[in-house]
Amino acid sequence: MFSISEVVGKLGSMPQIVSVYIPDESDIRTFYEEESRVSTISDMPMENEAMAVSKSRKHHLIVVFTEGLENSPHHEVVMKDGDGNLVGWDVPPGLEYEVEGRDDLVWMSEDFVMDPSAMEGEIRVVLVAQRLTVIGEDDGVRDPVAMFPSPSTDMMIRERYGITLDSRCATAIVGFDEV
């Protein structure tokens, strides 16, 4: 049986979770509206997959956390060509093995690589939806995802819930459906 308070309790009991809030419909709509205004600095086309997938879920929680929501590393930002082929991606701690020994890649920063041989046509930045495993069917939850908001949306969330600006903490909007 699904209970939002039990999901909040489970998340809130995790050591990396500082707090969990249940936003009302108006708040969540405001946060997604702000997030929809986000663009790249270079005006490169951007697809906010994370927002689209999270927004499509029935239930939403605001989670304040340290050290990540999941123990497993995952990509947060990738670049794709017009055919959907991966041409660039972030390399978070734990995924270094994906690029080890690859001389064909160009490092764009200390944690982002591009494959110059794959860059055909229009390239777009994709903000990736993060699948969560910390909650699931045993909790009455189906298809949980996290969206890590842009700085402007993060500030709105912090102001709304009185969350202090602390560089050790980040916010996420977690969306999920019921089993």
C-alpha atoms as a PDB file:
ATOM      1  CA  MET A   1       0.000   0.000   0.000  1.00  0.00           C
ATOM      2  CA  PHE A   2       1.367   3.400  -0.973  1.00  0.00           C
ATOM      3  CA  SER A   3       1.942   6.077   1.645  1.00  0.00           C
ATOM      4  CA  ILE A   4       3.700   9.339   0.800  1.00  0.00           C
ATOM      5  CA  SER A   5       4.602   9.800   4.472  1.00  0.00           C
ATOM      6  CA  GLU A   6       6.342   6.385   4.503  1.00  0.00           C
ATOM      7  CA  VAL A   7       8.349   7.340   1.389  1.00  0.00           C
ATOM      8  CA  VAL A   8       9.304  10.643   3.042  1.00  0.00           C
ATOM      9  CA  GLY A   9      10.274   8.737   6.201  1.00  0.00           C
ATOM     10  CA  LYS A  10      12.415   6.244   4.308  1.00  0.00           C
ATOM     11  CA  LEU A  11      14.251   8.951   2.388  1.00  0.00           C
ATOM     12  CA  GLY A  12      14.616  11.090   5.512  1.00  0.00           C
ATOM     13  CA  SER A  13      16.240   8.209   7.400  1.00  0.00           C
ATOM     14  CA  MET A  14      19.083   7.903   4.899  1.00  0.00           C
ATOM     15  CA  PRO A  15      22.394   9.345   6.149  1.00  0.00           C
ATOM     16  CA  GLN A  16      22.973  11.544   3.090  1.00  0.00           C
ATOM     17  CA  ILE A  17      19.475  13.087   3.249  1.00  0.00           C
ATOM     18  CA  VAL A  18      19.263  16.346   5.202  1.00  0.00           C
ATOM     19  CA  SER A  19      15.530  16.937   4.719  1.00  0.00           C
ATOM     20  CA  VAL A  20      12.536  16.028   2.547  1.00  0.00           C
ATOM     21  CA  TYR A  21       9.596  18.299   1.677  1.00  0.00           C
ATOM     22  CA  ILE A  22       6.275  17.610  -0.009  1.00  0.00           C
ATOM     23  CA  PRO A  23       5.647  20.512  -2.390  1.00  0.00           C
ATOM     24  CA  ASP A  24       2.113  21.605  -3.160  1.00  0.00           C
ATOM     25  CA  GLU A  25       0.965  21.737  -6.807  1.00  0.00           C
ATOM     26  CA  SER A  26       1.565  25.477  -7.054  1.00  0.00           C
ATOM     27  CA  ASP A  27       5.150  25.191  -5.833  1.00  0.00           C
ATOM     28  CA  ILE A  28       6.046  22.295  -8.113  1.00  0.00           C
ATOM     29  CA  ARG A  29       4.510  24.117 -11.087  1.00  0.00           C
ATOM     30  CA  THR A  30       6.554  27.243 -10.223  1.00  0.00           C
ATOM     31  CA  PHE A  31       9.777  25.212  -9.928  1.00  0.00           C
ATOM     32  CA  TYR A  32       9.222  23.518 -13.307  1.00  0.00           C
ATOM     33  CA  GLU A  33       8.330  26.856 -14.938  1.00  0.00           C
ATOM     34  CA  GLU A  34      11.627  28.316 -13.719  1.00  0.00           C
ATOM     35  CA  GLU A  35      13.524  25.234 -14.858  1.00  0.00           C
ATOM     36  CA  SER A  36      11.957  25.463 -18.335  1.00  0.00           C
ATOM     37  CA  ARG A  37      13.641  28.866 -18.801  1.00  0.00           C
ATOM     38  CA  VAL A  38      17.153  27.432 -18.391  1.00  0.00           C
ATOM     39  CA  SER A  39      19.419  27.537 -21.435  1.00  0.00           C
ATOM     40  CA  THR A  40      23.072  26.961 -22.206  1.00  0.00           C
ATOM     41  CA  ILE A  41      25.560  29.825 -22.009  1.00  0.00           C
ATOM     42  CA  SER A  42      26.501  29.315 -25.652  1.00  0.00           C
ATOM     43  CA  ASP A  43      22.863  29.069 -26.800  1.00  0.00           C
ATOM     44  CA  MET A  44      23.546  25.478 -27.876  1.00  0.00           C
ATOM     45  CA  PRO A  45      20.247  23.589 -28.140  1.00  0.00           C
ATOM     46  CA  MET A  46      19.333  21.908 -24.875  1.00  0.00           C
ATOM     47  CA  GLU A  47      16.987  19.081 -23.963  1.00  0.00           C
ATOM     48  CA  ASN A  48      16.024  18.938 -20.296  1.00  0.00           C
ATOM     49  CA  GLU A  49      15.177  15.251 -20.209  1.00  0.00           C
ATOM     50  CA  ALA A  50      15.450  15.285 -16.429  1.00  0.00           C
ATOM     51  CA  MET A  51      12.707  17.884 -16.129  1.00  0.00           C
ATOM     52  CA  ALA A  52      10.421  16.222 -18.683  1.00  0.00           C
ATOM     53  CA  VAL A  53      10.665  12.797 -17.059  1.00  0.00           C
ATOM     54  CA  SER A  54      10.360  14.122 -13.494  1.00  0.00           C
ATOM     55  CA  LYS A  55       7.455  16.384 -14.428  1.00  0.00           C
ATOM     56  CA  SER A  56       5.561  13.434 -15.935  1.00  0.00           C
ATOM     57  CA  ARG A  57       5.400  11.667 -12.576  1.00  0.00           C
ATOM     58  CA  LYS A  58       2.323  11.881 -10.327  1.00  0.00           C
ATOM     59  CA  HIS A  59       4.128  12.549  -7.022  1.00  0.00           C
ATOM     60  CA  HIS A  60       7.005  14.927  -6.245  1.00  0.00           C
ATOM     61  CA  LEU A  61       9.297  15.487  -3.293  1.00  0.00           C
ATOM     62  CA  ILE A  62      11.982  18.073  -2.659  1.00  0.00           C
ATOM     63  CA  VAL A  63      15.080  16.381  -1.268  1.00  0.00           C
ATOM     64  CA  VAL A  64      18.057  18.152   0.314  1.00  0.00           C
ATOM     65  CA  PHE A  65      21.122  15.914   0.362  1.00  0.00           C
ATOM     66  CA  THR A  66      24.882  15.630   0.683  1.00  0.00           C
ATOM     67  CA  GLU A  67      27.204  13.176  -1.103  1.00  0.00           C
ATOM     68  CA  GLY A  68      24.654  12.209  -3.760  1.00  0.00           C
ATOM     69  CA  LEU A  69      21.327  10.430  -3.629  1.00  0.00           C
ATOM     70  CA  GLU A  70      22.652   7.153  -5.004  1.00  0.00           C
ATOM     71  CA  ASN A  71      25.793   5.216  -4.219  1.00  0.00           C
ATOM     72  CA  SER A  72      26.299   4.391  -7.891  1.00  0.00           C
ATOM     73  CA  PRO A  73      27.753   7.043 -10.218  1.00  0.00           C
ATOM     74  CA  HIS A  74      25.708   8.278 -13.162  1.00  0.00           C
ATOM     75  CA  HIS A  75      25.929  10.800 -15.962  1.00  0.00           C
ATOM     76  CA  GLU A  76      24.139  14.089 -15.392  1.00  0.00           C
ATOM     77  CA  VAL A  77      24.983  15.861 -18.666  1.00  0.00           C
ATOM     78  CA  VAL A  78      25.618  14.418 -22.109  1.00  0.00           C
ATOM     79  CA  MET A  79      25.784  15.812 -25.637  1.00  0.00           C
ATOM     80  CA  LYS A  80      24.024  14.105 -28.550  1.00  0.00           C
ATOM     81  CA  ASP A  81      23.971  14.642 -32.286  1.00  0.00           C
ATOM     82  CA  GLY A  82      20.824  14.939 -34.397  1.00  0.00           C
ATOM     83  CA  ASP A  83      20.532  11.139 -34.609  1.00  0.00           C
ATOM     84  CA  GLY A  84      20.741  10.726 -30.834  1.00  0.00           C
ATOM     85  CA  ASN A  85      24.321   9.439 -30.876  1.00  0.00           C
ATOM     86  CA  LEU A  86      26.406  10.241 -27.806  1.00  0.00           C
ATOM     87  CA  VAL A  87      29.176  12.715 -28.686  1.00  0.00           C
ATOM     88  CA  GLY A  88      30.122  14.060 -25.246  1.00  0.00           C
ATOM     89  CA  TRP A  89      29.557  13.187 -21.621  1.00  0.00           C
ATOM     90  CA  ASP A  90      30.513  14.021 -18.082  1.00  0.00           C
ATOM     91  CA  VAL A  91      32.879  11.664 -16.268  1.00  0.00           C
ATOM     92  CA  PRO A  92      31.821  11.599 -12.611  1.00  0.00           C
ATOM     93  CA  PRO A  93      33.887   9.763 -10.003  1.00  0.00           C
ATOM     94  CA  GLY A  94      33.297   6.052 -10.451  1.00  0.00           C
ATOM     95  CA  LEU A  95      32.828   6.161 -14.224  1.00  0.00           C
ATOM     96  CA  GLU A  96      36.446   6.902 -15.146  1.00  0.00           C
ATOM     97  CA  TYR A  97      36.742   3.355 -16.530  1.00  0.00           C
ATOM     98  CA  GLU A  98      34.543   4.420 -19.489  1.00  0.00           C
ATOM     99  CA  VAL A  99      37.308   6.659 -20.802  1.00  0.00           C
ATOM    100  CA  GLU A 100      40.482   4.963 -19.545  1.00  0.00           C
ATOM    101  CA  GLY A 101      42.966   4.393 -22.364  1.00  0.00           C
ATOM    102  CA  ARG A 102      40.817   6.142 -24.972  1.00  0.00           C
ATOM    103  CA  ASP A 103      43.080   8.379 -27.034  1.00  0.00           C
ATOM    104  CA  ASP A 104      40.231   9.225 -29.409  1.00  0.00           C
ATOM    105  CA  LEU A 105      38.476  11.492 -26.896  1.00  0.00           C
ATOM    106  CA  VAL A 106      39.079  15.194 -26.264  1.00  0.00           C
ATOM    107  CA  TRP A 107      38.871  16.459 -22.693  1.00  0.00           C
ATOM    108  CA  MET A 108      36.785  19.663 -22.656  1.00  0.00           C
ATOM    109  CA  SER A 109      37.271  20.096 -18.890  1.00  0.00           C
ATOM    110  CA  GLU A 110      38.559  17.974 -16.032  1.00  0.00           C
ATOM    111  CA  ASP A 111      35.351  15.915 -16.044  1.00  0.00           C
ATOM    112  CA  PHE A 112      33.830  16.164 -19.534  1.00  0.00           C
ATOM    113  CA  VAL A 113      34.937  14.416 -22.740  1.00  0.00           C
ATOM    114  CA  MET A 114      33.903  14.619 -26.381  1.00  0.00           C
ATOM    115  CA  ASP A 115      34.321  12.195 -29.242  1.00  0.00           C
ATOM    116  CA  PRO A 116      35.336  14.421 -32.194  1.00  0.00           C
ATOM    117  CA  SER A 117      34.723  11.610 -34.697  1.00  0.00           C
ATOM    118  CA  ALA A 118      31.041  11.466 -33.738  1.00  0.00           C
ATOM    119  CA  MET A 119      30.192  15.136 -34.153  1.00  0.00           C
ATOM    120  CA  GLU A 120      27.878  15.283 -37.151  1.00  0.00           C
ATOM    121  CA  GLY A 121      25.143  17.870 -37.608  1.00  0.00           C
ATOM    122  CA  GLU A 122      23.520  19.793 -34.797  1.00  0.00           C
ATOM    123  CA  ILE A 123      24.725  18.962 -31.305  1.00  0.00           C
ATOM    124  CA  ARG A 124      22.491  19.396 -28.251  1.00  0.00           C
ATOM    125  CA  VAL A 125      23.107  19.278 -24.515  1.00  0.00           C
ATOM    126  CA  VAL A 126      20.935  16.755 -22.679  1.00  0.00           C
ATOM    127  CA  LEU A 127      20.328  16.986 -18.924  1.00  0.00           C
ATOM    128  CA  VAL A 128      19.834  13.330 -18.000  1.00  0.00           C
ATOM    129  CA  ALA A 129      17.076  12.067 -15.705  1.00  0.00           C
ATOM    130  CA  GLN A 130      18.591  10.116 -12.826  1.00  0.00           C
ATOM    131  CA  ARG A 131      16.884   6.802 -12.143  1.00  0.00           C
ATOM    132  CA  LEU A 132      16.732   6.112  -8.417  1.00  0.00           C
ATOM    133  CA  THR A 133      16.984   2.780  -6.643  1.00  0.00           C
ATOM    134  CA  VAL A 134      16.888   4.050  -3.048  1.00  0.00           C
ATOM    135  CA  ILE A 135      13.089   3.858  -3.193  1.00  0.00           C
ATOM    136  CA  GLY A 136      11.099   1.364  -5.205  1.00  0.00           C
ATOM    137  CA  GLU A 137       8.246  -1.089  -5.440  1.00  0.00           C
ATOM    138  CA  ASP A 138       8.645  -2.256  -1.832  1.00  0.00           C
ATOM    139  CA  ASP A 139       7.805   1.358  -0.902  1.00  0.00           C
ATOM    140  CA  GLY A 140       4.827   1.488  -3.287  1.00  0.00           C
ATOM    141  CA  VAL A 141       6.899   3.581  -5.713  1.00  0.00           C
ATOM    142  CA  ARG A 142       7.305   3.055  -9.464  1.00  0.00           C
ATOM    143  CA  ASP A 143       9.860   4.678 -11.785  1.00  0.00           C
ATOM    144  CA  PRO A 144      11.482   7.125  -9.334  1.00  0.00           C
ATOM    145  CA  VAL A 145      13.726   9.770 -10.904  1.00  0.00           C
ATOM    146  CA  ALA A 146      15.665  12.761  -9.652  1.00  0.00           C
ATOM    147  CA  MET A 147      16.099  16.101 -11.363  1.00  0.00           C
ATOM    148  CA  PHE A 148      18.936  18.264 -10.091  1.00  0.00           C
ATOM    149  CA  PRO A 149      17.717  21.834 -10.621  1.00  0.00           C
ATOM    150  CA  SER A 150      19.589  24.732 -12.167  1.00  0.00           C
ATOM    151  CA  PRO A 151      20.979  27.383  -9.800  1.00  0.00           C
ATOM    152  CA  SER A 152      17.964  29.672 -10.243  1.00  0.00           C
ATOM    153  CA  THR A 153      15.471  26.878  -9.476  1.00  0.00           C
ATOM    154  CA  ASP A 154      17.637  25.689  -6.590  1.00  0.00           C
ATOM    155  CA  MET A 155      17.498  29.202  -5.097  1.00  0.00           C
ATOM    156  CA  MET A 156      13.697  29.282  -5.440  1.00  0.00           C
ATOM    157  CA  ILE A 157      13.456  25.920  -3.661  1.00  0.00           C
ATOM    158  CA  ARG A 158      15.803  27.089  -0.888  1.00  0.00           C
ATOM    159  CA  GLU A 159      13.860  30.333  -0.377  1.00  0.00           C
ATOM    160  CA  ARG A 160      10.499  28.541  -0.357  1.00  0.00           C
ATOM    161  CA  TYR A 161      11.524  25.991   2.293  1.00  0.00           C
ATOM    162  CA  GLY A 162      14.011  28.098   4.270  1.00  0.00           C
ATOM    163  CA  ILE A 163      16.997  25.968   3.288  1.00  0.00           C
ATOM    164  CA  THR A 164      20.265  27.720   4.068  1.00  0.00           C
ATOM    165  CA  LEU A 165      22.773  28.255   1.298  1.00  0.00           C
ATOM    166  CA  ASP A 166      25.328  25.605   2.207  1.00  0.00           C
ATOM    167  CA  SER A 167      27.762  24.336  -0.436  1.00  0.00           C
ATOM    168  CA  ARG A 168      27.750  20.900   1.215  1.00  0.00           C
ATOM    169  CA  CYS A 169      24.038  20.442   0.404  1.00  0.00           C
ATOM    170  CA  ALA A 170      22.232  20.147  -2.912  1.00  0.00           C
ATOM    171  CA  THR A 171      18.565  19.938  -3.826  1.00  0.00           C
ATOM    172  CA  ALA A 172      16.683  17.579  -6.097  1.00  0.00           C
ATOM    173  CA  ILE A 173      13.131  17.188  -7.251  1.00  0.00           C
ATOM    174  CA  VAL A 174      12.241  13.518  -6.986  1.00  0.00           C
ATOM    175  CA  GLY A 175       9.309  12.366  -9.073  1.00  0.00           C
ATOM    176  CA  PHE A 176       7.609   8.970  -8.986  1.00  0.00           C
ATOM    177  CA  ASP A 177       4.382   7.126  -9.630  1.00  0.00           C
ATOM    178  CA  GLU A 178       2.549   4.654  -7.400  1.00  0.00           C
ATOM    179  CA  VAL A 179       2.871   0.912  -8.001  1.00  0.00           C
END
